[in-house]
Amino acid sequence: RLTGLETLEGKESPRLSVLAEALFAVGCAVETTPGSIRVAPGTRTSGELVLDPRNDHRMAFAFALLGLEREDLRVQNPACVAKSWPSFWTDLA
């Protein structure tokens, strides 16, 4: 369980909510409260999965890490990382 995350909802995207949605989409059991998230193993989903970082570069970075484990994962609007790390996708490859 991660706590002290109250400020994440007021950033470029509602980060805590976006992260919870993505983790749930890949099959994790997720529980959120204002300012906290609890993640547990769940049932891995199958098939192509497209995650929407809501134009938030930090969410795209987080989703990229999920993609290292799951080849069928795609990040919608991957260009949003250009705000802070234009060569991110090239560097990651």
PDB file of N, CA and C in Angstrom:
ATOM      1  N   ARG A   1       0.849  -1.177   0.000  1.00  0.00           N
ATOM      2  CA  ARG A   1       0.000   0.000   0.000  1.00  0.00           C
ATOM      3  C   ARG A   1       0.890   1.235   0.000  1.00  0.00           C
ATOM      4  N   LEU A   2       0.593   2.137  -0.896  1.00  0.00           N
ATOM      5  CA  LEU A   2       1.296   3.416  -0.957  1.00  0.00           C
ATOM      6  C   LEU A   2       0.362   4.494  -0.426  1.00  0.00           C
ATOM      7  N   THR A   3       0.874   5.332   0.440  1.00  0.00           N
ATOM      8  CA  THR A   3       0.066   6.405   1.027  1.00  0.00           C
ATOM      9  C   THR A   3       0.748   7.751   0.805  1.00  0.00           C
ATOM     10  N   GLY A   4       0.069   8.824   1.171  1.00  0.00           N
ATOM     11  CA  GLY A   4       0.622  10.158   1.013  1.00  0.00           C
ATOM     12  C   GLY A   4       0.552  10.669  -0.417  1.00  0.00           C
ATOM     13  N   LEU A   5      -0.403  10.176  -1.177  1.00  0.00           N
ATOM     14  CA  LEU A   5      -0.500  10.494  -2.599  1.00  0.00           C
ATOM     15  C   LEU A   5      -1.579  11.534  -2.907  1.00  0.00           C
ATOM     16  N   GLU A   6      -1.961  12.299  -1.931  1.00  0.00           N
ATOM     17  CA  GLU A   6      -3.073  13.242  -2.099  1.00  0.00           C
ATOM     18  C   GLU A   6      -2.873  14.222  -3.247  1.00  0.00           C
ATOM     19  N   THR A   7      -1.649  14.651  -3.488  1.00  0.00           N
ATOM     20  CA  THR A   7      -1.420  15.677  -4.517  1.00  0.00           C
ATOM     21  C   THR A   7      -1.442  15.126  -5.942  1.00  0.00           C
ATOM     22  N   LEU A   8      -1.478  13.822  -6.112  1.00  0.00           N
ATOM     23  CA  LEU A   8      -1.436  13.255  -7.464  1.00  0.00           C
ATOM     24  C   LEU A   8      -2.679  13.550  -8.289  1.00  0.00           C
ATOM     25  N   GLU A   9      -3.776  13.801  -7.660  1.00  0.00           N
ATOM     26  CA  GLU A   9      -5.008  14.058  -8.416  1.00  0.00           C
ATOM     27  C   GLU A   9      -5.018  15.439  -9.063  1.00  0.00           C
ATOM     28  N   GLY A  10      -4.172  16.352  -8.638  1.00  0.00           N
ATOM     29  CA  GLY A  10      -4.194  17.709  -9.165  1.00  0.00           C
ATOM     30  C   GLY A  10      -3.082  18.016 -10.146  1.00  0.00           C
ATOM     31  N   LYS A  11      -2.537  17.033 -10.797  1.00  0.00           N
ATOM     32  CA  LYS A  11      -1.439  17.234 -11.748  1.00  0.00           C
ATOM     33  C   LYS A  11      -1.993  17.303 -13.174  1.00  0.00           C
ATOM     34  N   GLU A  12      -1.148  16.985 -14.171  1.00  0.00           N
ATOM     35  CA  GLU A  12      -1.597  17.049 -15.568  1.00  0.00           C
ATOM     36  C   GLU A  12      -2.791  16.147 -15.841  1.00  0.00           C
ATOM     37  N   SER A  13      -2.878  15.081 -15.083  1.00  0.00           N
ATOM     38  CA  SER A  13      -4.024  14.172 -15.156  1.00  0.00           C
ATOM     39  C   SER A  13      -4.340  13.769 -13.718  1.00  0.00           C
ATOM     40  N   PRO A  14      -5.479  13.162 -13.489  1.00  0.00           N
ATOM     41  CA  PRO A  14      -5.744  12.628 -12.142  1.00  0.00           C
ATOM     42  C   PRO A  14      -4.915  11.349 -11.967  1.00  0.00           C
ATOM     43  N   ARG A  15      -3.644  11.510 -11.665  1.00  0.00           N
ATOM     44  CA  ARG A  15      -2.672  10.419 -11.751  1.00  0.00           C
ATOM     45  C   ARG A  15      -3.030   9.180 -10.945  1.00  0.00           C
ATOM     46  N   LEU A  16      -3.504   9.349  -9.758  1.00  0.00           N
ATOM     47  CA  LEU A  16      -3.837   8.176  -8.950  1.00  0.00           C
ATOM     48  C   LEU A  16      -4.947   7.367  -9.613  1.00  0.00           C
ATOM     49  N   SER A  17      -5.945   8.047 -10.114  1.00  0.00           N
ATOM     50  CA  SER A  17      -7.051   7.368 -10.799  1.00  0.00           C
ATOM     51  C   SER A  17      -6.593   6.715 -12.097  1.00  0.00           C
ATOM     52  N   VAL A  18      -5.775   7.419 -12.866  1.00  0.00           N
ATOM     53  CA  VAL A  18      -5.288   6.897 -14.142  1.00  0.00           C
ATOM     54  C   VAL A  18      -4.421   5.657 -13.900  1.00  0.00           C
ATOM     55  N   LEU A  19      -3.556   5.718 -12.898  1.00  0.00           N
ATOM     56  CA  LEU A  19      -2.715   4.573 -12.570  1.00  0.00           C
ATOM     57  C   LEU A  19      -3.558   3.385 -12.118  1.00  0.00           C
ATOM     58  N   ALA A  20      -4.540   3.643 -11.274  1.00  0.00           N
ATOM     59  CA  ALA A  20      -5.411   2.567 -10.796  1.00  0.00           C
ATOM     60  C   ALA A  20      -6.146   1.906 -11.960  1.00  0.00           C
ATOM     61  N   GLU A  21      -6.664   2.702 -12.881  1.00  0.00           N
ATOM     62  CA  GLU A  21      -7.367   2.155 -14.051  1.00  0.00           C
ATOM     63  C   GLU A  21      -6.442   1.273 -14.884  1.00  0.00           C
ATOM     64  N   ALA A  22      -5.200   1.717 -15.077  1.00  0.00           N
ATOM     65  CA  ALA A  22      -4.250   0.950 -15.884  1.00  0.00           C
ATOM     66  C   ALA A  22      -3.880  -0.363 -15.200  1.00  0.00           C
ATOM     67  N   LEU A  23      -3.619  -0.304 -13.914  1.00  0.00           N
ATOM     68  CA  LEU A  23      -3.266  -1.526 -13.191  1.00  0.00           C
ATOM     69  C   LEU A  23      -4.424  -2.519 -13.194  1.00  0.00           C
ATOM     70  N   PHE A  24      -5.628  -2.017 -13.047  1.00  0.00           N
ATOM     71  CA  PHE A  24      -6.808  -2.884 -13.115  1.00  0.00           C
ATOM     72  C   PHE A  24      -6.926  -3.502 -14.507  1.00  0.00           C
ATOM     73  N   ALA A  25      -6.646  -2.700 -15.542  1.00  0.00           N
ATOM     74  CA  ALA A  25      -6.762  -3.183 -16.922  1.00  0.00           C
ATOM     75  C   ALA A  25      -5.787  -4.318 -17.224  1.00  0.00           C
ATOM     76  N   VAL A  26      -4.618  -4.305 -16.586  1.00  0.00           N
ATOM     77  CA  VAL A  26      -3.659  -5.390 -16.821  1.00  0.00           C
ATOM     78  C   VAL A  26      -3.924  -6.590 -15.921  1.00  0.00           C
ATOM     79  N   GLY A  27      -4.875  -6.454 -14.997  1.00  0.00           N
ATOM     80  CA  GLY A  27      -5.280  -7.599 -14.193  1.00  0.00           C
ATOM     81  C   GLY A  27      -4.950  -7.531 -12.724  1.00  0.00           C
ATOM     82  N   CYS A  28      -4.452  -6.418 -12.243  1.00  0.00           N
ATOM     83  CA  CYS A  28      -4.161  -6.292 -10.815  1.00  0.00           C
ATOM     84  C   CYS A  28      -5.442  -6.034 -10.033  1.00  0.00           C
ATOM     85  N   ALA A  29      -5.426  -6.435  -8.789  1.00  0.00           N
ATOM     86  CA  ALA A  29      -6.497  -6.057  -7.872  1.00  0.00           C
ATOM     87  C   ALA A  29      -6.076  -4.713  -7.282  1.00  0.00           C
ATOM     88  N   VAL A  30      -6.908  -3.704  -7.433  1.00  0.00           N
ATOM     89  CA  VAL A  30      -6.542  -2.341  -7.046  1.00  0.00           C
ATOM     90  C   VAL A  30      -7.616  -1.757  -6.149  1.00  0.00           C
ATOM     91  N   GLU A  31      -7.164  -1.099  -5.098  1.00  0.00           N
ATOM     92  CA  GLU A  31      -8.079  -0.390  -4.200  1.00  0.00           C
ATOM     93  C   GLU A  31      -7.485   0.990  -3.944  1.00  0.00           C
ATOM     94  N   THR A  32      -8.286   2.025  -4.150  1.00  0.00           N
ATOM     95  CA  THR A  32      -7.807   3.379  -3.882  1.00  0.00           C
ATOM     96  C   THR A  32      -8.687   4.051  -2.846  1.00  0.00           C
ATOM     97  N   THR A  33      -8.071   4.950  -2.124  1.00  0.00           N
ATOM     98  CA  THR A  33      -8.768   5.875  -1.245  1.00  0.00           C
ATOM     99  C   THR A  33      -8.160   7.233  -1.563  1.00  0.00           C
ATOM    100  N   PRO A  34      -8.762   8.313  -1.127  1.00  0.00           N
ATOM    101  CA  PRO A  34      -8.115   9.602  -1.379  1.00  0.00           C
ATOM    102  C   PRO A  34      -6.700   9.599  -0.783  1.00  0.00           C
ATOM    103  N   GLY A  35      -5.710   9.622  -1.643  1.00  0.00           N
ATOM    104  CA  GLY A  35      -4.334   9.678  -1.180  1.00  0.00           C
ATOM    105  C   GLY A  35      -3.628   8.353  -0.996  1.00  0.00           C
ATOM    106  N   SER A  36      -4.252   7.239  -1.370  1.00  0.00           N
ATOM    107  CA  SER A  36      -3.548   5.959  -1.240  1.00  0.00           C
ATOM    108  C   SER A  36      -3.991   4.980  -2.318  1.00  0.00           C
ATOM    109  N   ILE A  37      -3.132   4.002  -2.546  1.00  0.00           N
ATOM    110  CA  ILE A  37      -3.445   2.929  -3.485  1.00  0.00           C
ATOM    111  C   ILE A  37      -2.874   1.632  -2.923  1.00  0.00           C
ATOM    112  N   ARG A  38      -3.651   0.584  -3.060  1.00  0.00           N
ATOM    113  CA  ARG A  38      -3.210  -0.758  -2.671  1.00  0.00           C
ATOM    114  C   ARG A  38      -3.324  -1.622  -3.921  1.00  0.00           C
ATOM    115  N   VAL A  39      -2.236  -2.305  -4.239  1.00  0.00           N
ATOM    116  CA  VAL A  39      -2.195  -3.140  -5.436  1.00  0.00           C
ATOM    117  C   VAL A  39      -1.832  -4.561  -5.021  1.00  0.00           C
ATOM    118  N   ALA A  40      -2.571  -5.512  -5.544  1.00  0.00           N
ATOM    119  CA  ALA A  40      -2.317  -6.923  -5.261  1.00  0.00           C
ATOM    120  C   ALA A  40      -2.403  -7.708  -6.561  1.00  0.00           C
ATOM    121  N   PRO A  41      -1.796  -8.888  -6.587  1.00  0.00           N
ATOM    122  CA  PRO A  41      -1.916  -9.720  -7.785  1.00  0.00           C
ATOM    123  C   PRO A  41      -3.372 -10.027  -8.080  1.00  0.00           C
ATOM    124  N   GLY A  42      -3.667 -10.143  -9.332  1.00  0.00           N
ATOM    125  CA  GLY A  42      -5.015 -10.495  -9.767  1.00  0.00           C
ATOM    126  C   GLY A  42      -4.913 -11.508 -10.882  1.00  0.00           C
ATOM    127  N   THR A  43      -5.836 -11.451 -11.801  1.00  0.00           N
ATOM    128  CA  THR A  43      -5.824 -12.343 -12.955  1.00  0.00           C
ATOM    129  C   THR A  43      -5.375 -11.554 -14.170  1.00  0.00           C
ATOM    130  N   ARG A  44      -4.271 -11.961 -14.741  1.00  0.00           N
ATOM    131  CA  ARG A  44      -3.719 -11.254 -15.901  1.00  0.00           C
ATOM    132  C   ARG A  44      -4.714 -11.295 -17.057  1.00  0.00           C
ATOM    133  N   THR A  45      -4.943 -10.148 -17.654  1.00  0.00           N
ATOM    134  CA  THR A  45      -5.829 -10.072 -18.808  1.00  0.00           C
ATOM    135  C   THR A  45      -5.057 -10.479 -20.058  1.00  0.00           C
ATOM    136  N   SER A  46      -5.772 -10.816 -21.110  1.00  0.00           N
ATOM    137  CA  SER A  46      -5.101 -11.215 -22.347  1.00  0.00           C
ATOM    138  C   SER A  46      -5.597 -10.358 -23.497  1.00  0.00           C
ATOM    139  N   GLY A  47      -4.867 -10.401 -24.586  1.00  0.00           N
ATOM    140  CA  GLY A  47      -5.228  -9.611 -25.753  1.00  0.00           C
ATOM    141  C   GLY A  47      -4.580  -8.243 -25.711  1.00  0.00           C
ATOM    142  N   GLU A  48      -4.605  -7.575 -26.858  1.00  0.00           N
ATOM    143  CA  GLU A  48      -3.991  -6.253 -26.929  1.00  0.00           C
ATOM    144  C   GLU A  48      -4.668  -5.291 -25.966  1.00  0.00           C
ATOM    145  N   LEU A  49      -3.864  -4.476 -25.343  1.00  0.00           N
ATOM    146  CA  LEU A  49      -4.357  -3.516 -24.370  1.00  0.00           C
ATOM    147  C   LEU A  49      -3.783  -2.147 -24.703  1.00  0.00           C
ATOM    148  N   VAL A  50      -4.631  -1.143 -24.808  1.00  0.00           N
ATOM    149  CA  VAL A  50      -4.198   0.226 -25.066  1.00  0.00           C
ATOM    150  C   VAL A  50      -4.513   1.049 -23.826  1.00  0.00           C
ATOM    151  N   LEU A  51      -3.469   1.640 -23.247  1.00  0.00           N
ATOM    152  CA  LEU A  51      -3.641   2.464 -22.054  1.00  0.00           C
ATOM    153  C   LEU A  51      -3.537   3.934 -22.428  1.00  0.00           C
ATOM    154  N   ASP A  52      -4.416   4.734 -21.874  1.00  0.00           N
ATOM    155  CA  ASP A  52      -4.478   6.163 -22.173  1.00  0.00           C
ATOM    156  C   ASP A  52      -3.834   6.950 -21.035  1.00  0.00           C
ATOM    157  N   PRO A  53      -2.671   7.570 -21.274  1.00  0.00           N
ATOM    158  CA  PRO A  53      -2.017   8.343 -20.223  1.00  0.00           C
ATOM    159  C   PRO A  53      -2.621   9.730 -20.008  1.00  0.00           C
ATOM    160  N   ARG A  54      -3.704  10.015 -20.732  1.00  0.00           N
ATOM    161  CA  ARG A  54      -4.405  11.301 -20.613  1.00  0.00           C
ATOM    162  C   ARG A  54      -3.477  12.483 -20.871  1.00  0.00           C
ATOM    163  N   ASN A  55      -2.591  12.293 -21.848  1.00  0.00           N
ATOM    164  CA  ASN A  55      -1.649  13.335 -22.258  1.00  0.00           C
ATOM    165  C   ASN A  55      -0.673  13.717 -21.140  1.00  0.00           C
ATOM    166  N   ASP A  56      -0.422  12.809 -20.219  1.00  0.00           N
ATOM    167  CA  ASP A  56       0.461  13.041 -19.071  1.00  0.00           C
ATOM    168  C   ASP A  56       1.737  12.227 -19.280  1.00  0.00           C
ATOM    169  N   HIS A  57       2.843  12.936 -19.456  1.00  0.00           N
ATOM    170  CA  HIS A  57       4.113  12.273 -19.741  1.00  0.00           C
ATOM    171  C   HIS A  57       4.514  11.286 -18.652  1.00  0.00           C
ATOM    172  N   ARG A  58       4.277  11.603 -17.415  1.00  0.00           N
ATOM    173  CA  ARG A  58       4.666  10.684 -16.340  1.00  0.00           C
ATOM    174  C   ARG A  58       3.827   9.405 -16.341  1.00  0.00           C
ATOM    175  N   MET A  59       2.580   9.508 -16.708  1.00  0.00           N
ATOM    176  CA  MET A  59       1.755   8.301 -16.819  1.00  0.00           C
ATOM    177  C   MET A  59       2.235   7.444 -17.991  1.00  0.00           C
ATOM    178  N   ALA A  60       2.629   8.085 -19.091  1.00  0.00           N
ATOM    179  CA  ALA A  60       3.167   7.333 -20.230  1.00  0.00           C
ATOM    180  C   ALA A  60       4.438   6.593 -19.826  1.00  0.00           C
ATOM    181  N   PHE A  61       5.295   7.232 -19.029  1.00  0.00           N
ATOM    182  CA  PHE A  61       6.502   6.555 -18.541  1.00  0.00           C
ATOM    183  C   PHE A  61       6.127   5.330 -17.708  1.00  0.00           C
ATOM    184  N   ALA A  62       5.167   5.484 -16.822  1.00  0.00           N
ATOM    185  CA  ALA A  62       4.732   4.363 -15.981  1.00  0.00           C
ATOM    186  C   ALA A  62       4.165   3.234 -16.834  1.00  0.00           C
ATOM    187  N   PHE A  63       3.369   3.583 -17.826  1.00  0.00           N
ATOM    188  CA  PHE A  63       2.775   2.564 -18.691  1.00  0.00           C
ATOM    189  C   PHE A  63       3.854   1.850 -19.509  1.00  0.00           C
ATOM    190  N   ALA A  64       4.921   2.576 -19.863  1.00  0.00           N
ATOM    191  CA  ALA A  64       6.022   1.948 -20.595  1.00  0.00           C
ATOM    192  C   ALA A  64       6.640   0.828 -19.769  1.00  0.00           C
ATOM    193  N   LEU A  65       6.741   1.027 -18.473  1.00  0.00           N
ATOM    194  CA  LEU A  65       7.282  -0.025 -17.607  1.00  0.00           C
ATOM    195  C   LEU A  65       6.382  -1.248 -17.612  1.00  0.00           C
ATOM    196  N   LEU A  66       5.076  -1.024 -17.610  1.00  0.00           N
ATOM    197  CA  LEU A  66       4.154  -2.159 -17.726  1.00  0.00           C
ATOM    198  C   LEU A  66       4.361  -2.876 -19.057  1.00  0.00           C
ATOM    199  N   GLY A  67       4.658  -2.107 -20.090  1.00  0.00           N
ATOM    200  CA  GLY A  67       4.873  -2.678 -21.410  1.00  0.00           C
ATOM    201  C   GLY A  67       6.130  -3.533 -21.511  1.00  0.00           C
ATOM    202  N   LEU A  68       7.080  -3.336 -20.606  1.00  0.00           N
ATOM    203  CA  LEU A  68       8.268  -4.186 -20.598  1.00  0.00           C
ATOM    204  C   LEU A  68       7.912  -5.617 -20.220  1.00  0.00           C
ATOM    205  N   GLU A  69       6.849  -5.762 -19.459  1.00  0.00           N
ATOM    206  CA  GLU A  69       6.373  -7.079 -19.031  1.00  0.00           C
ATOM    207  C   GLU A  69       5.349  -7.660 -19.998  1.00  0.00           C
ATOM    208  N   ARG A  70       4.740  -6.800 -20.778  1.00  0.00           N
ATOM    209  CA  ARG A  70       3.611  -7.232 -21.594  1.00  0.00           C
ATOM    210  C   ARG A  70       3.734  -6.660 -23.001  1.00  0.00           C
ATOM    211  N   GLU A  71       4.109  -7.487 -23.954  1.00  0.00           N
ATOM    212  CA  GLU A  71       4.363  -7.029 -25.321  1.00  0.00           C
ATOM    213  C   GLU A  71       3.126  -6.527 -26.046  1.00  0.00           C
ATOM    214  N   ASP A  72       1.942  -6.954 -25.629  1.00  0.00           N
ATOM    215  CA  ASP A  72       0.712  -6.549 -26.318  1.00  0.00           C
ATOM    216  C   ASP A  72       0.125  -5.254 -25.762  1.00  0.00           C
ATOM    217  N   LEU A  73       0.893  -4.545 -24.960  1.00  0.00           N
ATOM    218  CA  LEU A  73       0.432  -3.286 -24.380  1.00  0.00           C
ATOM    219  C   LEU A  73       0.887  -2.123 -25.254  1.00  0.00           C
ATOM    220  N   ARG A  74      -0.017  -1.208 -25.530  1.00  0.00           N
ATOM    221  CA  ARG A  74       0.289  -0.005 -26.303  1.00  0.00           C
ATOM    222  C   ARG A  74      -0.096   1.222 -25.478  1.00  0.00           C
ATOM    223  N   VAL A  75       0.678   2.285 -25.647  1.00  0.00           N
ATOM    224  CA  VAL A  75       0.386   3.551 -24.981  1.00  0.00           C
ATOM    225  C   VAL A  75      -0.236   4.483 -26.011  1.00  0.00           C
ATOM    226  N   GLN A  76      -1.435   4.937 -25.710  1.00  0.00           N
ATOM    227  CA  GLN A  76      -2.114   5.891 -26.588  1.00  0.00           C
ATOM    228  C   GLN A  76      -1.379   7.222 -26.502  1.00  0.00           C
ATOM    229  N   ASN A  77      -1.233   7.907 -27.622  1.00  0.00           N
ATOM    230  CA  ASN A  77      -0.557   9.200 -27.690  1.00  0.00           C
ATOM    231  C   ASN A  77       0.837   9.144 -27.061  1.00  0.00           C
ATOM    232  N   PRO A  78       1.712   8.280 -27.567  1.00  0.00           N
ATOM    233  CA  PRO A  78       3.044   8.165 -26.984  1.00  0.00           C
ATOM    234  C   PRO A  78       3.877   9.443 -27.101  1.00  0.00           C
ATOM    235  N   ALA A  79       3.507  10.335 -28.007  1.00  0.00           N
ATOM    236  CA  ALA A  79       4.261  11.579 -28.188  1.00  0.00           C
ATOM    237  C   ALA A  79       4.154  12.520 -26.997  1.00  0.00           C
ATOM    238  N   CYS A  80       3.260  12.245 -26.066  1.00  0.00           N
ATOM    239  CA  CYS A  80       3.112  13.141 -24.910  1.00  0.00           C
ATOM    240  C   CYS A  80       4.374  13.187 -24.050  1.00  0.00           C
ATOM    241  N   VAL A  81       5.289  12.223 -24.220  1.00  0.00           N
ATOM    242  CA  VAL A  81       6.529  12.236 -23.440  1.00  0.00           C
ATOM    243  C   VAL A  81       7.485  13.337 -23.896  1.00  0.00           C
ATOM    244  N   ALA A  82       7.245  13.916 -25.062  1.00  0.00           N
ATOM    245  CA  ALA A  82       8.137  14.948 -25.599  1.00  0.00           C
ATOM    246  C   ALA A  82       8.262  16.143 -24.667  1.00  0.00           C
ATOM    247  N   LYS A  83       7.295  16.337 -23.810  1.00  0.00           N
ATOM    248  CA  LYS A  83       7.316  17.462 -22.869  1.00  0.00           C
ATOM    249  C   LYS A  83       8.574  17.440 -22.003  1.00  0.00           C
ATOM    250  N   SER A  84       8.999  16.253 -21.580  1.00  0.00           N
ATOM    251  CA  SER A  84      10.132  16.175 -20.667  1.00  0.00           C
ATOM    252  C   SER A  84      11.268  15.269 -21.136  1.00  0.00           C
ATOM    253  N   TRP A  85      10.992  14.345 -22.069  1.00  0.00           N
ATOM    254  CA  TRP A  85      12.027  13.405 -22.521  1.00  0.00           C
ATOM    255  C   TRP A  85      11.705  12.998 -23.954  1.00  0.00           C
ATOM    256  N   PRO A  86      12.022  13.863 -24.909  1.00  0.00           N
ATOM    257  CA  PRO A  86      11.648  13.614 -26.303  1.00  0.00           C
ATOM    258  C   PRO A  86      12.155  12.287 -26.871  1.00  0.00           C
ATOM    259  N   SER A  87      13.297  11.822 -26.414  1.00  0.00           N
ATOM    260  CA  SER A  87      13.865  10.584 -26.962  1.00  0.00           C
ATOM    261  C   SER A  87      13.538   9.358 -26.101  1.00  0.00           C
ATOM    262  N   PHE A  88      12.564   9.468 -25.237  1.00  0.00           N
ATOM    263  CA  PHE A  88      12.255   8.383 -24.296  1.00  0.00           C
ATOM    264  C   PHE A  88      12.063   7.039 -24.984  1.00  0.00           C
ATOM    265  N   TRP A  89      11.207   6.980 -25.993  1.00  0.00           N
ATOM    266  CA  TRP A  89      10.889   5.694 -26.619  1.00  0.00           C
ATOM    267  C   TRP A  89      12.108   5.105 -27.319  1.00  0.00           C
ATOM    268  N   THR A  90      12.928   5.953 -27.935  1.00  0.00           N
ATOM    269  CA  THR A  90      14.162   5.481 -28.565  1.00  0.00           C
ATOM    270  C   THR A  90      15.141   4.992 -27.508  1.00  0.00           C
ATOM    271  N   ASP A  91      15.275   5.750 -26.440  1.00  0.00           N
ATOM    272  CA  ASP A  91      16.182   5.362 -25.361  1.00  0.00           C
ATOM    273  C   ASP A  91      15.732   4.066 -24.691  1.00  0.00           C
ATOM    274  N   LEU A  92      14.441   3.886 -24.546  1.00  0.00           N
ATOM    275  CA  LEU A  92      13.912   2.677 -23.913  1.00  0.00           C
ATOM    276  C   LEU A  92      14.187   1.444 -24.768  1.00  0.00           C
ATOM    277  N   ALA A  93      14.112   1.625 -26.086  1.00  0.00           N
ATOM    278  CA  ALA A  93      14.336   0.489 -26.993  1.00  0.00           C
ATOM    279  C   ALA A  93      15.783   0.067 -26.931  1.00  0.00           C
TER     280      ALA A  93
END
